[in-house]
Amino acid sequence: MALEPEMQGGRRLLCLAIFLQLACSSPPRQFSHASAGTSAGGTSASSASAGSGAAGRSSTGGSSSIGNGGSSASAGSGEDVGAGNTSTTAGNGTGGAAPAGMCAAASDCAALPHVRQGAPTACNAGHCAIPASSCEAGYGHCTSSDLEFCETNLNTATDCGTCGKKCPISTPFCEVGACVGSCKADPENCFNGKDDDCDGKIDCADSDCNGPAQCVPAETWAYGTSIAAQGSCPTGFLGGSSTVHGVLSGGNGNGCSGCGCNPTYTDCAPYTVTLSRTTDSCGVNGTVVSTFTIAHENTSCSAHTVASAWNELTFTSTPKFNCTNTGTPTVSPATWTDDSKFCTASAAGSGCGTGNVCVPTAPGSACLLASGSQECPSFFPKKRALYTAFRDNRVCSCSCAGEGGACDRVRLGVSFTSTCAAPTPIPLNGLLCLAEGTTASELGYFFSGTLSDPTACSASNVATGGLTPTGPQTLCCQ
């Protein structure tokens, strides 16, 4: 899946986890539909409305990148073929971010939300280890979970400057990590993790963000919008774009072309002579006593000795009207149809429950994208099965069939002596029947007549194997 990174000024804030999370076997979290509302302070739950209390703590969840580097292969190679895919990570570090602290390398931990760019991080046995000094200014690690880091905003009345520091009644507001008596009200920014308008509610927990923002899960799914494949990603959805593929086509017909044929010659040999013994004057096939093969036509007399009595002879062949292949069998290029572009949200805020993140509301169709085959959440019901690459196992070959050739003028002269005296001509696929009780221990034979070469050929393009899409993805849209 080719990524086309598009960025505005400043750091890209969001890279929702999908691919690496699946590799780390993190169980999918149930999608929760959080919205701004009213509640007492405290920790906001993923299934409830965001609270409006002055002491509400939120967690933004993990971040990730979307992309699959697909390697190209020639048709018929049996290798996965991508679409020239490269990947781009939106976030603080390099590489795909680990979901909820799970990791495969230190770079995964560096890409978690609110980790300072270039700050020390480590990955130990699949879990991130991030010192407090590696968090961005204004964020800290206040939970006891080793699956969360830099998750707490330290500019709230409950965590002002340090974890657990509550502002007293006399100075109930937190500004830049210090408790103050008054708050300078600004319009609420839904994606900066701050209480900008001094109402004690942050980002998606603030009713001011109803409409321009919404809470979505940060695990399993990447949130974004689906647009036309050649379109430009809208503002707020510049966290990386990916062309997603729907239908794979192998070309017209059977996906094979290029064959051609020219007529050459007719081959009537080899011939089969069968000698049988009957008791009803050849009315019913008798008991076979001898069978021999004649490899090619010979106009001189040849002899064959028969040890047993016989009185029925058949002369058969399977003619071949040969042609020469003049074309080059070619597998038709495989192409994707029904493509679209998935634009990842480039802004992320707080005010949602654990495992969820505050993101912009899509101007068009809001969608979720995940690796593998997934069940869509109930309020993202429009499901499409997508793929990132394909495996091409097709092999193309040619088949030629001659037309207009004939062997029907070929005759086998049969004599009951080795000198071919007094021969009886037998046409191809013909029968010689002697009187019942007749025996002939010696047999002489020779060929006469002519055969006809083919006058035309028909070419067939033969394809075996097939195309198999790989790298399944699930797109769910509203």
Protein backbone atom coordinates (compact mmCIF):
# COMPACT_ATOMS: atom_id res chain seq x y z
CA MET A 1 0.00 0.00 0.00
CA ALA A 2 1.85 3.09 -1.18
CA LEU A 3 2.02 5.99 1.28
CA GLU A 4 2.08 9.49 0.01
CA PRO A 5 3.03 11.57 3.06
CA GLU A 6 1.48 14.99 3.20
CA MET A 7 2.42 17.31 6.05
CA GLN A 8 1.65 20.81 7.26
CA GLY A 9 4.15 22.81 9.31
CA GLY A 10 5.21 21.43 12.65
CA ARG A 11 5.29 17.88 13.90
CA ARG A 12 2.78 15.35 12.72
CA LEU A 13 0.78 14.40 15.76
CA LEU A 14 -0.97 11.20 14.96
CA CYS A 15 -0.10 7.78 13.66
CA LEU A 16 -2.75 5.31 14.83
CA ALA A 17 -1.60 1.75 15.49
CA ILE A 18 -2.67 -1.04 13.19
CA PHE A 19 0.08 -3.14 11.67
CA LEU A 20 2.60 -3.54 14.46
CA GLN A 21 -0.12 -4.00 16.99
CA LEU A 22 -1.34 -7.10 15.17
CA ALA A 23 2.22 -8.41 14.97
CA CYS A 24 2.48 -8.06 18.77
CA SER A 25 -0.80 -9.95 19.20
CA SER A 26 -2.43 -7.16 21.17
CA PRO A 27 -6.12 -8.05 21.57
CA PRO A 28 -8.47 -5.67 19.76
CA ARG A 29 -10.25 -3.18 22.01
CA GLN A 30 -14.00 -2.78 21.73
CA PHE A 31 -14.78 0.39 19.80
CA SER A 32 -16.32 2.99 22.12
CA HIS A 33 -18.28 6.00 21.01
CA ALA A 34 -17.31 8.76 23.41
CA SER A 35 -18.79 12.20 23.10
CA ALA A 36 -18.64 15.45 24.98
CA GLY A 37 -21.00 15.59 27.92
CA THR A 38 -21.30 16.31 31.62
CA SER A 39 -19.94 14.24 34.48
CA ALA A 40 -18.11 14.61 37.72
CA GLY A 41 -14.34 14.68 37.73
CA GLY A 42 -12.27 11.56 37.64
CA THR A 43 -10.98 9.13 35.07
CA SER A 44 -13.10 9.08 31.91
CA ALA A 45 -14.24 5.65 30.70
CA SER A 46 -14.02 4.56 27.08
CA SER A 47 -17.71 3.72 26.93
CA ALA A 48 -19.00 6.90 28.60
CA SER A 49 -19.32 10.53 27.72
CA ALA A 50 -16.27 12.61 28.46
CA GLY A 51 -16.61 14.32 31.83
CA SER A 52 -16.68 17.99 32.57
CA GLY A 53 -15.27 17.91 36.08
CA ALA A 54 -12.25 19.98 36.88
CA ALA A 55 -10.23 16.93 37.74
CA GLY A 56 -10.81 14.76 34.68
CA ARG A 57 -7.80 12.68 33.60
CA SER A 58 -7.57 11.36 30.05
CA SER A 59 -5.29 9.19 28.02
CA THR A 60 -4.73 9.56 24.32
CA GLY A 61 -3.82 5.94 23.62
CA GLY A 62 -1.19 4.73 21.22
CA SER A 63 -0.19 6.07 17.86
CA SER A 64 0.87 4.24 14.72
CA SER A 65 1.65 4.50 11.06
CA ILE A 66 -0.10 3.11 8.03
CA GLY A 67 1.87 1.54 5.19
CA ASN A 68 3.07 -1.66 3.64
CA GLY A 69 6.21 -1.80 1.56
CA GLY A 70 5.33 -4.09 -1.32
CA SER A 71 8.07 -5.63 -3.43
CA SER A 72 7.48 -6.03 -7.12
CA ALA A 73 7.78 -9.34 -9.00
CA SER A 74 7.28 -10.44 -12.58
CA ALA A 75 4.08 -12.20 -13.49
CA GLY A 76 4.04 -15.92 -12.98
CA SER A 77 6.76 -15.77 -10.29
CA GLY A 78 4.54 -16.76 -7.41
CA GLU A 79 5.81 -13.79 -5.37
CA ASP A 80 3.77 -11.11 -3.67
CA VAL A 81 3.53 -8.05 -5.87
CA GLY A 82 2.78 -4.69 -4.28
CA ALA A 83 1.85 -1.39 -5.80
CA GLY A 84 5.23 0.28 -5.44
CA ASN A 85 4.45 0.81 -1.80
CA THR A 86 6.44 2.88 0.65
CA SER A 87 5.47 3.81 4.18
CA THR A 88 5.57 7.05 6.12
CA THR A 89 5.24 7.39 9.87
CA ALA A 90 3.47 10.31 11.42
CA GLY A 91 4.64 11.00 14.95
CA ASN A 92 7.66 11.70 17.08
CA GLY A 93 9.94 8.83 16.20
CA THR A 94 10.84 6.67 13.28
CA GLY A 95 9.11 3.43 12.33
CA GLY A 96 5.61 2.28 13.27
CA ALA A 97 4.49 3.20 16.77
CA ALA A 98 3.76 0.45 19.27
CA PRO A 99 0.16 0.22 20.48
CA ALA A 100 -0.22 0.86 24.23
CA GLY A 101 3.45 0.34 25.00
CA MET A 102 3.94 -2.93 23.13
CA CYS A 103 6.99 -2.83 20.89
CA ALA A 104 9.39 -4.70 18.64
CA ALA A 105 12.14 -2.08 18.73
CA ALA A 106 13.03 1.15 20.55
CA SER A 107 11.85 3.13 17.53
CA ASP A 108 8.32 1.87 18.19
CA CYS A 109 8.45 3.41 21.67
CA ALA A 110 9.88 6.66 20.32
CA ALA A 111 6.75 7.06 18.16
CA LEU A 112 4.30 6.88 21.07
CA PRO A 113 2.33 10.07 21.79
CA HIS A 114 4.13 12.90 23.58
CA VAL A 115 7.58 11.28 23.57
CA ARG A 116 10.23 13.90 22.80
CA GLN A 117 11.81 13.48 19.41
CA GLY A 118 15.28 11.98 19.79
CA ALA A 119 14.82 11.25 23.51
CA PRO A 120 16.12 7.92 24.94
CA THR A 121 13.68 5.00 24.77
CA ALA A 122 14.07 1.24 25.05
CA CYS A 123 12.12 -1.88 24.21
CA ASN A 124 12.49 -4.75 26.68
CA ALA A 125 10.73 -8.06 25.97
CA GLY A 126 7.98 -6.35 23.98
CA HIS A 127 7.36 -3.56 26.51
CA CYS A 128 8.49 0.04 26.23
CA ALA A 129 10.75 1.59 28.85
CA ILE A 130 10.62 5.39 28.66
CA PRO A 131 12.13 7.61 31.38
CA ALA A 132 10.12 10.60 32.56
CA SER A 133 12.73 12.93 31.07
CA SER A 134 11.87 11.60 27.61
CA CYS A 135 8.31 12.94 27.74
CA GLU A 136 7.35 16.18 26.04
CA ALA A 137 7.06 19.23 28.26
CA GLY A 138 3.70 19.14 29.96
CA TYR A 139 3.30 15.35 29.89
CA GLY A 140 4.27 12.59 32.29
CA HIS A 141 3.84 8.93 33.16
CA CYS A 142 1.35 8.90 36.02
CA THR A 143 -0.25 5.47 35.75
CA SER A 144 1.17 2.28 37.19
CA SER A 145 0.76 0.45 33.90
CA ASP A 146 3.89 -0.45 31.93
CA LEU A 147 1.74 -0.27 28.81
CA GLU A 148 1.31 3.53 28.97
CA PHE A 149 3.93 6.27 28.83
CA CYS A 150 3.74 10.08 28.69
CA GLU A 151 -0.02 9.57 28.79
CA THR A 152 -0.93 12.23 31.38
CA ASN A 153 -1.34 15.92 30.70
CA LEU A 154 0.47 17.81 33.48
CA ASN A 155 -1.47 21.03 32.88
CA THR A 156 -4.66 19.96 34.60
CA ALA A 157 -6.02 20.79 38.07
CA THR A 158 -5.39 17.21 39.21
CA ASP A 159 -1.90 16.79 37.74
CA CYS A 160 -0.38 20.26 37.68
CA GLY A 161 3.33 20.14 36.87
CA THR A 162 3.77 16.68 38.40
CA CYS A 163 1.69 13.53 38.73
CA GLY A 164 -1.02 13.79 41.38
CA LYS A 165 -0.45 17.45 42.26
CA LYS A 166 -3.92 18.92 42.81
CA CYS A 167 -4.51 22.63 42.70
CA PRO A 168 -6.06 24.07 45.90
CA ILE A 169 -9.32 26.02 45.98
CA SER A 170 -7.42 29.29 46.25
CA THR A 171 -5.56 28.65 42.99
CA PRO A 172 -7.79 26.17 41.15
CA PHE A 173 -6.34 26.54 37.66
CA CYS A 174 -3.19 25.03 36.16
CA GLU A 175 -1.17 27.08 33.71
CA VAL A 176 2.15 25.76 32.31
CA GLY A 177 2.50 23.35 35.21
CA ALA A 178 1.72 25.85 37.99
CA CYS A 179 -1.47 26.42 40.00
CA VAL A 180 -2.88 29.91 39.46
CA GLY A 181 -5.89 31.80 40.73
CA SER A 182 -7.28 32.76 37.37
CA CYS A 183 -7.35 31.33 33.90
CA LYS A 184 -6.75 33.24 30.70
CA ALA A 185 -9.54 32.06 28.47
CA ASP A 186 -8.81 31.31 24.83
CA PRO A 187 -10.91 29.46 22.26
CA GLU A 188 -10.76 25.74 22.92
CA ASN A 189 -8.21 23.91 20.77
CA CYS A 190 -9.56 20.36 20.53
CA PHE A 191 -6.23 18.72 19.82
CA ASN A 192 -3.60 20.16 22.20
CA GLY A 193 -4.46 18.41 25.47
CA LYS A 194 -5.17 21.70 27.28
CA ASP A 195 -8.12 23.47 28.81
CA ASP A 196 -7.87 26.55 26.63
CA ASP A 197 -11.20 28.18 27.57
CA CYS A 198 -10.85 27.66 31.34
CA ASP A 199 -14.01 25.58 31.80
CA GLY A 200 -12.16 22.62 33.32
CA LYS A 201 -12.67 20.41 30.29
CA ILE A 202 -10.00 19.30 27.84
CA ASP A 203 -10.34 18.71 24.09
CA CYS A 204 -13.11 16.17 23.34
CA ALA A 205 -14.42 16.45 26.93
CA ASP A 206 -15.35 20.06 26.14
CA SER A 207 -18.70 20.59 24.46
CA ASP A 208 -17.03 23.20 22.26
CA CYS A 209 -15.46 20.25 20.41
CA ASN A 210 -18.79 18.60 19.63
CA GLY A 211 -18.87 18.61 15.84
CA PRO A 212 -15.26 19.48 14.92
CA ALA A 213 -13.89 16.53 16.92
CA GLN A 214 -14.83 13.05 18.08
CA CYS A 215 -13.36 10.18 20.11
CA VAL A 216 -12.22 7.08 18.24
CA PRO A 217 -10.27 3.98 19.35
CA ALA A 218 -6.50 4.25 19.16
CA GLU A 219 -5.96 0.49 19.09
CA THR A 220 -6.50 -1.77 16.05
CA TRP A 221 -8.07 0.96 13.93
CA ALA A 222 -6.58 3.92 12.12
CA TYR A 223 -9.01 6.82 11.81
CA GLY A 224 -9.29 8.92 8.68
CA THR A 225 -11.38 9.66 5.64
CA SER A 226 -11.75 7.89 2.29
CA ILE A 227 -11.52 10.02 -0.86
CA ALA A 228 -11.01 9.52 -4.60
CA ALA A 229 -7.70 7.86 -5.42
CA GLN A 230 -6.36 10.98 -7.19
CA GLY A 231 -7.76 13.48 -4.67
CA SER A 232 -5.90 15.60 -2.12
CA CYS A 233 -6.26 14.89 1.59
CA PRO A 234 -8.26 17.56 3.48
CA THR A 235 -6.98 19.70 6.35
CA GLY A 236 -6.71 17.70 9.55
CA PHE A 237 -6.11 14.48 7.61
CA LEU A 238 -2.53 14.95 6.49
CA GLY A 239 -1.04 12.23 8.68
CA GLY A 240 -0.19 10.06 5.69
CA SER A 241 -2.22 8.77 2.75
CA SER A 242 -2.54 5.24 1.46
CA THR A 243 -4.05 3.97 -1.77
CA VAL A 244 -6.28 1.03 -0.88
CA HIS A 245 -7.12 -1.61 -3.46
CA GLY A 246 -10.48 -3.26 -3.94
CA VAL A 247 -10.75 -5.50 -7.01
CA LEU A 248 -7.87 -7.34 -8.72
CA SER A 249 -8.09 -7.94 -12.46
CA GLY A 250 -5.85 -10.19 -14.56
CA GLY A 251 -6.78 -8.65 -17.90
CA ASN A 252 -9.23 -9.73 -20.59
CA GLY A 253 -10.17 -13.37 -21.16
CA ASN A 254 -7.97 -15.85 -19.33
CA GLY A 255 -5.14 -13.38 -18.81
CA CYS A 256 -2.94 -14.94 -21.52
CA SER A 257 -2.20 -13.76 -25.06
CA GLY A 258 0.43 -13.65 -27.82
CA CYS A 259 0.18 -17.15 -29.33
CA GLY A 260 0.37 -17.87 -33.08
CA CYS A 261 0.74 -21.01 -35.25
CA ASN A 262 1.81 -22.06 -38.75
CA PRO A 263 0.90 -25.47 -40.33
CA THR A 264 3.80 -27.87 -40.95
CA TYR A 265 3.20 -31.59 -41.61
CA THR A 266 0.89 -34.51 -40.91
CA ASP A 267 2.16 -37.48 -38.93
CA CYS A 268 0.02 -40.62 -39.34
CA ALA A 269 2.49 -42.98 -37.65
CA PRO A 270 2.88 -44.89 -35.48
CA TYR A 271 0.37 -47.48 -36.66
CA THR A 272 -1.01 -50.35 -34.62
CA VAL A 273 -1.78 -53.76 -36.16
CA THR A 274 -3.90 -56.07 -34.03
CA LEU A 275 -4.40 -59.78 -34.87
CA SER A 276 -7.33 -61.58 -33.25
CA ARG A 277 -9.04 -64.97 -33.48
CA THR A 278 -12.80 -65.06 -33.88
CA THR A 279 -15.35 -67.82 -34.12
CA ASP A 280 -18.15 -65.84 -35.75
CA SER A 281 -16.48 -64.48 -38.91
CA CYS A 282 -15.43 -61.26 -37.16
CA GLY A 283 -18.96 -60.39 -36.06
CA VAL A 284 -17.68 -59.70 -32.57
CA ASN A 285 -14.15 -58.76 -31.63
CA GLY A 286 -12.20 -61.90 -31.05
CA THR A 287 -9.37 -62.82 -28.72
CA VAL A 288 -6.20 -60.81 -29.40
CA VAL A 289 -3.27 -63.08 -30.20
CA SER A 290 -0.72 -60.51 -31.36
CA THR A 291 -0.22 -56.73 -31.50
CA PHE A 292 2.67 -54.90 -33.07
CA THR A 293 3.52 -51.30 -33.90
CA ILE A 294 4.79 -49.92 -37.20
CA ALA A 295 6.88 -46.82 -36.45
CA HIS A 296 6.79 -45.24 -39.92
CA GLU A 297 5.60 -45.79 -43.47
CA ASN A 298 7.73 -48.17 -45.59
CA THR A 299 6.99 -49.00 -49.22
CA SER A 300 9.22 -52.10 -49.19
CA CYS A 301 7.98 -55.44 -47.90
CA SER A 302 8.35 -56.19 -44.20
CA ALA A 303 7.61 -59.50 -42.47
CA HIS A 304 6.01 -60.38 -39.18
CA THR A 305 5.74 -63.87 -37.70
CA VAL A 306 2.60 -64.91 -35.87
CA ALA A 307 2.86 -67.81 -33.44
CA SER A 308 -0.88 -68.32 -32.99
CA ALA A 309 -3.71 -68.77 -35.43
CA TRP A 310 -5.67 -65.63 -36.34
CA ASN A 311 -8.36 -64.60 -38.79
CA GLU A 312 -9.00 -60.88 -37.98
CA LEU A 313 -6.67 -57.91 -38.56
CA THR A 314 -7.27 -54.23 -37.70
CA PHE A 315 -5.09 -51.32 -38.85
CA THR A 316 -5.36 -48.13 -36.70
CA SER A 317 -3.56 -44.87 -36.03
CA THR A 318 -4.00 -41.53 -34.21
CA PRO A 319 -2.94 -38.89 -36.75
CA LYS A 320 -1.25 -35.67 -35.67
CA PHE A 321 -1.60 -32.56 -37.82
CA ASN A 322 1.41 -30.58 -36.67
CA CYS A 323 1.90 -26.83 -36.43
CA THR A 324 4.77 -24.59 -35.32
CA ASN A 325 4.18 -21.98 -32.60
CA THR A 326 5.11 -18.55 -33.96
CA GLY A 327 4.03 -16.36 -31.01
CA THR A 328 5.22 -15.58 -27.51
CA PRO A 329 2.80 -16.48 -24.73
CA THR A 330 2.45 -13.50 -22.43
CA VAL A 331 0.65 -13.11 -19.12
CA SER A 332 -1.55 -10.03 -19.09
CA PRO A 333 -0.59 -7.42 -16.45
CA ALA A 334 -2.54 -7.60 -13.23
CA THR A 335 -4.24 -4.35 -12.27
CA TRP A 336 -6.21 -3.03 -9.31
CA THR A 337 -9.59 -1.42 -9.87
CA ASP A 338 -11.99 0.27 -7.47
CA ASP A 339 -9.14 2.09 -5.72
CA SER A 340 -9.52 4.91 -3.22
CA LYS A 341 -7.24 6.92 -0.95
CA PHE A 342 -7.32 6.69 2.84
CA CYS A 343 -6.16 9.89 4.55
CA THR A 344 -5.06 9.48 8.17
CA ALA A 345 -5.98 12.12 10.75
CA SER A 346 -2.98 14.31 11.54
CA ALA A 347 -4.20 15.81 14.83
CA ALA A 348 -4.77 14.06 18.16
CA GLY A 349 -6.03 15.33 21.46
CA SER A 350 -7.22 14.19 24.88
CA GLY A 351 -10.53 14.18 26.70
CA CYS A 352 -11.45 10.63 25.73
CA GLY A 353 -11.36 7.39 27.67
CA THR A 354 -8.32 5.14 27.88
CA GLY A 355 -7.59 3.55 24.52
CA ASN A 356 -9.36 6.35 22.66
CA VAL A 357 -8.13 9.58 21.10
CA CYS A 358 -9.70 12.90 20.12
CA VAL A 359 -9.49 13.43 16.35
CA PRO A 360 -11.00 15.79 13.76
CA THR A 361 -14.41 14.97 12.35
CA ALA A 362 -14.03 14.02 8.69
CA PRO A 363 -15.47 16.52 6.19
CA GLY A 364 -16.77 13.66 4.04
CA SER A 365 -16.91 9.98 4.85
CA ALA A 366 -15.34 9.16 8.20
CA CYS A 367 -13.64 5.75 8.07
CA LEU A 368 -11.59 3.29 10.06
CA LEU A 369 -8.84 1.15 8.55
CA ALA A 370 -7.30 -1.97 10.08
CA SER A 371 -5.04 -4.77 8.97
CA GLY A 372 -6.59 -8.21 8.49
CA SER A 373 -10.23 -9.19 8.39
CA GLN A 374 -12.16 -7.31 11.09
CA GLU A 375 -15.77 -6.79 12.11
CA CYS A 376 -16.87 -3.18 11.67
CA PRO A 377 -18.11 -1.20 14.70
CA SER A 378 -21.86 -0.66 14.62
CA PHE A 379 -21.62 3.06 13.81
CA PHE A 380 -19.07 2.49 11.01
CA PRO A 381 -21.23 -0.11 9.19
CA LYS A 382 -20.06 0.22 5.56
CA LYS A 383 -17.44 -2.50 5.15
CA ARG A 384 -15.01 -3.06 2.26
CA ALA A 385 -12.44 -5.83 1.97
CA LEU A 386 -9.15 -4.35 0.73
CA TYR A 387 -5.66 -5.64 -0.02
CA THR A 388 -2.11 -4.32 -0.13
CA ALA A 389 -0.50 -6.73 -2.64
CA PHE A 390 -1.14 -9.86 -4.67
CA ARG A 391 0.47 -13.19 -5.55
CA ASP A 392 0.73 -13.99 -9.27
CA ASN A 393 1.00 -17.72 -9.99
CA ARG A 394 -0.17 -17.55 -13.59
CA VAL A 395 1.72 -19.40 -16.34
CA CYS A 396 0.87 -18.80 -20.00
CA SER A 397 1.50 -21.31 -22.80
CA CYS A 398 0.40 -21.92 -26.40
CA SER A 399 -1.50 -24.80 -27.97
CA CYS A 400 -1.74 -25.34 -31.77
CA ALA A 401 -4.25 -27.53 -33.62
CA GLY A 402 -3.77 -28.32 -37.30
CA GLU A 403 -6.67 -28.33 -39.72
CA GLY A 404 -7.11 -29.74 -43.22
CA GLY A 405 -4.63 -32.66 -42.98
CA ALA A 406 -5.59 -36.29 -43.74
CA CYS A 407 -4.34 -39.89 -43.54
CA ASP A 408 -7.32 -41.52 -45.23
CA ARG A 409 -5.41 -42.29 -48.45
CA VAL A 410 -2.81 -44.37 -46.63
CA ARG A 411 -3.14 -48.15 -47.32
CA LEU A 412 -1.47 -51.15 -45.68
CA GLY A 413 -0.87 -53.96 -48.18
CA VAL A 414 -1.18 -57.27 -46.27
CA SER A 415 0.00 -60.63 -47.61
CA PHE A 416 -0.01 -64.06 -46.02
CA THR A 417 3.59 -64.64 -47.08
CA SER A 418 6.81 -62.90 -46.07
CA THR A 419 7.32 -61.89 -49.72
CA CYS A 420 4.17 -59.74 -49.79
CA ALA A 421 2.74 -61.76 -52.70
CA ALA A 422 -0.93 -61.09 -53.59
CA PRO A 423 -1.42 -58.30 -51.05
CA THR A 424 -4.79 -57.10 -49.81
CA PRO A 425 -4.98 -53.29 -49.32
CA ILE A 426 -6.46 -52.22 -45.97
CA PRO A 427 -7.41 -48.55 -45.36
CA LEU A 428 -6.50 -46.81 -42.10
CA ASN A 429 -8.92 -47.88 -39.38
CA GLY A 430 -9.98 -50.70 -41.70
CA LEU A 431 -10.52 -54.43 -41.02
CA LEU A 432 -9.34 -57.62 -42.74
CA CYS A 433 -11.41 -60.69 -41.90
CA LEU A 434 -10.47 -64.20 -43.01
CA ALA A 435 -12.74 -67.19 -43.09
CA GLU A 436 -13.20 -68.87 -39.73
CA GLY A 437 -10.52 -71.50 -39.14
CA THR A 438 -8.02 -69.86 -41.51
CA THR A 439 -4.53 -69.55 -40.12
CA ALA A 440 -1.52 -67.61 -41.32
CA SER A 441 1.74 -67.89 -39.40
CA GLU A 442 3.53 -65.49 -41.74
CA LEU A 443 2.52 -61.95 -42.54
CA GLY A 444 4.04 -59.56 -45.05
CA TYR A 445 3.10 -55.89 -45.34
CA PHE A 446 4.00 -52.61 -47.00
CA PHE A 447 2.51 -49.10 -47.36
CA SER A 448 0.99 -47.30 -50.32
CA GLY A 449 -1.00 -44.13 -50.87
CA THR A 450 -0.33 -40.59 -49.68
CA LEU A 451 -1.09 -38.38 -46.70
CA SER A 452 -2.11 -34.66 -46.69
CA ASP A 453 -0.39 -31.95 -44.66
CA PRO A 454 -2.50 -29.50 -42.65
CA THR A 455 -3.63 -26.36 -44.46
CA ALA A 456 -4.35 -24.19 -41.41
CA CYS A 457 -3.82 -24.00 -37.65
CA SER A 458 -5.79 -22.63 -34.73
CA ALA A 459 -3.88 -21.14 -31.78
CA SER A 460 -5.03 -21.28 -28.18
CA ASN A 461 -3.67 -19.21 -25.28
CA VAL A 462 -3.61 -21.48 -22.25
CA ALA A 463 -3.33 -20.01 -18.75
CA THR A 464 -2.82 -22.02 -15.58
CA GLY A 465 -2.58 -20.80 -12.01
CA GLY A 466 -4.18 -17.56 -10.92
CA LEU A 467 -4.03 -14.28 -9.04
CA THR A 468 -4.46 -14.18 -5.28
CA PRO A 469 -4.83 -10.87 -3.40
CA THR A 470 -2.73 -10.71 -0.22
CA GLY A 471 -2.32 -8.35 2.72
CA PRO A 472 -6.01 -8.14 3.64
CA GLN A 473 -7.34 -4.96 5.20
CA THR A 474 -10.73 -3.85 6.41
CA LEU A 475 -12.17 -0.40 5.71
CA CYS A 476 -15.26 0.62 7.69
CA CYS A 477 -17.02 3.89 6.88
CA GLN A 478 -20.02 5.76 8.24
